[in-house]
């Protein structure tokens, strides 16, 4: 998997160097990562780090965090369309603060 990740990194760099659309680059990385199980391998490598690695993997797999972030993006999209861009910045800051608080609480709960 290391050569695969090096290849992905090289293709991303080449795409950015050649001014390819960033959404095309991101989409291709997601497709390659899912089809080759590269993301699962990367998460497995993170989980091998003693003590903190399994905590990071558990935090990344909490569905509530994913759902909260997805709803935040949806609400931000609608609000920006209606002209509330300044409020979106405040909202996203609060969302990030909430997610960081949940993650810190989760880590403290697992350690203690």
C-alpha atoms as a PDB file:
ATOM      1  CA  UNK A   1       0.000   0.000   0.000  1.00  0.00           C
ATOM      2  CA  UNK A   2       2.944   2.367   0.505  1.00  0.00           C
ATOM      3  CA  UNK A   3       3.677   2.490  -3.253  1.00  0.00           C
ATOM      4  CA  UNK A   4      -0.033   3.093  -3.881  1.00  0.00           C
ATOM      5  CA  UNK A   5      -0.092   6.058  -1.471  1.00  0.00           C
ATOM      6  CA  UNK A   6       3.106   7.415  -3.012  1.00  0.00           C
ATOM      7  CA  UNK A   7       1.475   7.114  -6.431  1.00  0.00           C
ATOM      8  CA  UNK A   8      -1.661   8.888  -5.209  1.00  0.00           C
ATOM      9  CA  UNK A   9       0.482  11.658  -3.740  1.00  0.00           C
ATOM     10  CA  UNK A  10       2.444  12.008  -6.962  1.00  0.00           C
ATOM     11  CA  UNK A  11      -0.728  12.178  -9.057  1.00  0.00           C
ATOM     12  CA  UNK A  12      -2.236  14.798  -6.735  1.00  0.00           C
ATOM     13  CA  UNK A  13       0.924  16.883  -7.002  1.00  0.00           C
ATOM     14  CA  UNK A  14       0.923  16.483 -10.797  1.00  0.00           C
ATOM     15  CA  UNK A  15      -2.744  17.456 -10.979  1.00  0.00           C
ATOM     16  CA  UNK A  16      -2.156  20.564  -8.880  1.00  0.00           C
ATOM     17  CA  UNK A  17       0.926  21.421 -10.937  1.00  0.00           C
ATOM     18  CA  UNK A  18      -1.059  21.119 -14.192  1.00  0.00           C
ATOM     19  CA  UNK A  19      -3.977  23.155 -12.735  1.00  0.00           C
ATOM     20  CA  UNK A  20      -6.517  20.325 -12.944  1.00  0.00           C
ATOM     21  CA  UNK A  21      -9.811  21.117 -11.189  1.00  0.00           C
ATOM     22  CA  UNK A  22      -9.479  20.313  -7.483  1.00  0.00           C
ATOM     23  CA  UNK A  23     -12.837  18.551  -7.338  1.00  0.00           C
ATOM     24  CA  UNK A  24     -11.658  16.149 -10.062  1.00  0.00           C
ATOM     25  CA  UNK A  25      -8.475  15.438  -8.094  1.00  0.00           C
ATOM     26  CA  UNK A  26     -10.402  14.881  -4.859  1.00  0.00           C
ATOM     27  CA  UNK A  27     -12.963  12.639  -6.553  1.00  0.00           C
ATOM     28  CA  UNK A  28     -10.293  10.498  -8.171  1.00  0.00           C
ATOM     29  CA  UNK A  29      -8.441  10.102  -4.865  1.00  0.00           C
ATOM     30  CA  UNK A  30     -11.680   9.015  -3.166  1.00  0.00           C
ATOM     31  CA  UNK A  31     -12.478   6.495  -5.916  1.00  0.00           C
ATOM     32  CA  UNK A  32      -8.949   5.051  -5.946  1.00  0.00           C
ATOM     33  CA  UNK A  33      -8.846   4.953  -2.142  1.00  0.00           C
ATOM     34  CA  UNK A  34     -12.163   3.146  -1.839  1.00  0.00           C
ATOM     35  CA  UNK A  35     -11.559   0.657  -4.647  1.00  0.00           C
ATOM     36  CA  UNK A  36      -8.099  -0.284  -3.407  1.00  0.00           C
ATOM     37  CA  UNK A  37      -8.918  -0.191   0.344  1.00  0.00           C
ATOM     38  CA  UNK A  38      -6.134   2.347   0.778  1.00  0.00           C
ATOM     39  CA  UNK A  39      -8.144   4.271   3.370  1.00  0.00           C
ATOM     40  CA  UNK A  40      -8.686   1.124   5.445  1.00  0.00           C
ATOM     41  CA  UNK A  41      -4.947   0.446   5.348  1.00  0.00           C
ATOM     42  CA  UNK A  42      -4.181   4.025   6.396  1.00  0.00           C
ATOM     43  CA  UNK A  43      -6.600   3.805   9.321  1.00  0.00           C
ATOM     44  CA  UNK A  44      -5.011   0.475  10.262  1.00  0.00           C
ATOM     45  CA  UNK A  45      -1.585   2.082  10.300  1.00  0.00           C
ATOM     46  CA  UNK A  46      -2.866   4.880  12.545  1.00  0.00           C
ATOM     47  CA  UNK A  47      -4.393   2.254  14.868  1.00  0.00           C
ATOM     48  CA  UNK A  48      -0.961   0.654  15.330  1.00  0.00           C
ATOM     49  CA  UNK A  49       0.320   3.711  17.223  1.00  0.00           C
ATOM     50  CA  UNK A  50       0.235   2.757  20.916  1.00  0.00           C
ATOM     51  CA  UNK A  51      -2.399   4.315  23.214  1.00  0.00           C
ATOM     52  CA  UNK A  52      -3.453   7.266  21.014  1.00  0.00           C
ATOM     53  CA  UNK A  53      -3.859   5.376  17.703  1.00  0.00           C
ATOM     54  CA  UNK A  54      -6.937   3.317  18.648  1.00  0.00           C
ATOM     55  CA  UNK A  55      -8.537   6.435  20.139  1.00  0.00           C
ATOM     56  CA  UNK A  56      -8.049   8.347  16.892  1.00  0.00           C
ATOM     57  CA  UNK A  57      -9.583   5.483  14.907  1.00  0.00           C
ATOM     58  CA  UNK A  58     -12.588   5.326  17.241  1.00  0.00           C
ATOM     59  CA  UNK A  59     -13.114   9.069  16.971  1.00  0.00           C
ATOM     60  CA  UNK A  60     -12.928   8.947  13.176  1.00  0.00           C
ATOM     61  CA  UNK A  61     -15.545   6.211  13.092  1.00  0.00           C
ATOM     62  CA  UNK A  62     -18.144   7.924  15.297  1.00  0.00           C
ATOM     63  CA  UNK A  63     -21.167   8.292  13.034  1.00  0.00           C
ATOM     64  CA  UNK A  64     -22.557  11.231  15.011  1.00  0.00           C
ATOM     65  CA  UNK A  65     -19.522  13.350  14.110  1.00  0.00           C
ATOM     66  CA  UNK A  66     -20.004  12.546  10.423  1.00  0.00           C
ATOM     67  CA  UNK A  67     -23.722  13.318  10.611  1.00  0.00           C
ATOM     68  CA  UNK A  68     -23.164  16.605  12.447  1.00  0.00           C
ATOM     69  CA  UNK A  69     -20.597  17.728   9.889  1.00  0.00           C
ATOM     70  CA  UNK A  70     -22.840  16.765   6.949  1.00  0.00           C
ATOM     71  CA  UNK A  71     -25.790  18.699   8.365  1.00  0.00           C
ATOM     72  CA  UNK A  72     -23.473  21.660   8.944  1.00  0.00           C
ATOM     73  CA  UNK A  73     -22.407  21.687   5.306  1.00  0.00           C
ATOM     74  CA  UNK A  74     -26.011  21.431   4.128  1.00  0.00           C
ATOM     75  CA  UNK A  75     -27.176  24.304   6.330  1.00  0.00           C
ATOM     76  CA  UNK A  76     -24.143  26.379   5.303  1.00  0.00           C
ATOM     77  CA  UNK A  77     -24.935  25.817   1.637  1.00  0.00           C
ATOM     78  CA  UNK A  78     -28.539  26.963   2.051  1.00  0.00           C
ATOM     79  CA  UNK A  79     -27.535  29.961   4.196  1.00  0.00           C
ATOM     80  CA  UNK A  80     -24.883  31.136   1.731  1.00  0.00           C
ATOM     81  CA  UNK A  81     -27.455  30.910  -1.072  1.00  0.00           C
ATOM     82  CA  UNK A  82     -29.762  33.200   0.904  1.00  0.00           C
ATOM     83  CA  UNK A  83     -27.016  35.736   1.660  1.00  0.00           C
ATOM     84  CA  UNK A  84     -26.136  34.877   5.258  1.00  0.00           C
ATOM     85  CA  UNK A  85     -22.434  34.283   4.649  1.00  0.00           C
ATOM     86  CA  UNK A  86     -21.331  36.157   7.796  1.00  0.00           C
ATOM     87  CA  UNK A  87     -23.650  34.019   9.935  1.00  0.00           C
ATOM     88  CA  UNK A  88     -22.297  30.876   8.272  1.00  0.00           C
ATOM     89  CA  UNK A  89     -18.801  31.678   9.522  1.00  0.00           C
ATOM     90  CA  UNK A  90     -20.114  31.977  13.077  1.00  0.00           C
ATOM     91  CA  UNK A  91     -22.153  28.784  12.713  1.00  0.00           C
ATOM     92  CA  UNK A  92     -19.239  26.756  11.336  1.00  0.00           C
ATOM     93  CA  UNK A  93     -17.023  28.038  14.149  1.00  0.00           C
ATOM     94  CA  UNK A  94     -19.565  26.851  16.694  1.00  0.00           C
ATOM     95  CA  UNK A  95     -19.858  23.494  14.940  1.00  0.00           C
ATOM     96  CA  UNK A  96     -16.092  23.005  14.982  1.00  0.00           C
ATOM     97  CA  UNK A  97     -15.996  23.974  18.662  1.00  0.00           C
ATOM     98  CA  UNK A  98     -18.722  21.419  19.403  1.00  0.00           C
ATOM     99  CA  UNK A  99     -16.927  18.669  17.493  1.00  0.00           C
ATOM    100  CA  UNK A 100     -13.612  19.455  19.227  1.00  0.00           C
ATOM    101  CA  UNK A 101     -15.385  19.401  22.598  1.00  0.00           C
ATOM    102  CA  UNK A 102     -16.955  16.020  21.839  1.00  0.00           C
ATOM    103  CA  UNK A 103     -13.591  14.615  20.750  1.00  0.00           C
ATOM    104  CA  UNK A 104     -11.790  15.934  23.850  1.00  0.00           C
ATOM    105  CA  UNK A 105     -14.547  14.534  26.067  1.00  0.00           C
ATOM    106  CA  UNK A 106     -14.319  11.185  24.316  1.00  0.00           C
ATOM    107  CA  UNK A 107     -10.548  11.028  24.779  1.00  0.00           C
ATOM    108  CA  UNK A 108     -10.742  12.030  28.444  1.00  0.00           C
ATOM    109  CA  UNK A 109     -13.519   9.482  29.015  1.00  0.00           C
ATOM    110  CA  UNK A 110     -11.469   6.674  27.465  1.00  0.00           C
ATOM    111  CA  UNK A 111      -8.240   7.579  29.266  1.00  0.00           C
ATOM    112  CA  UNK A 112      -9.846   7.932  32.704  1.00  0.00           C
END
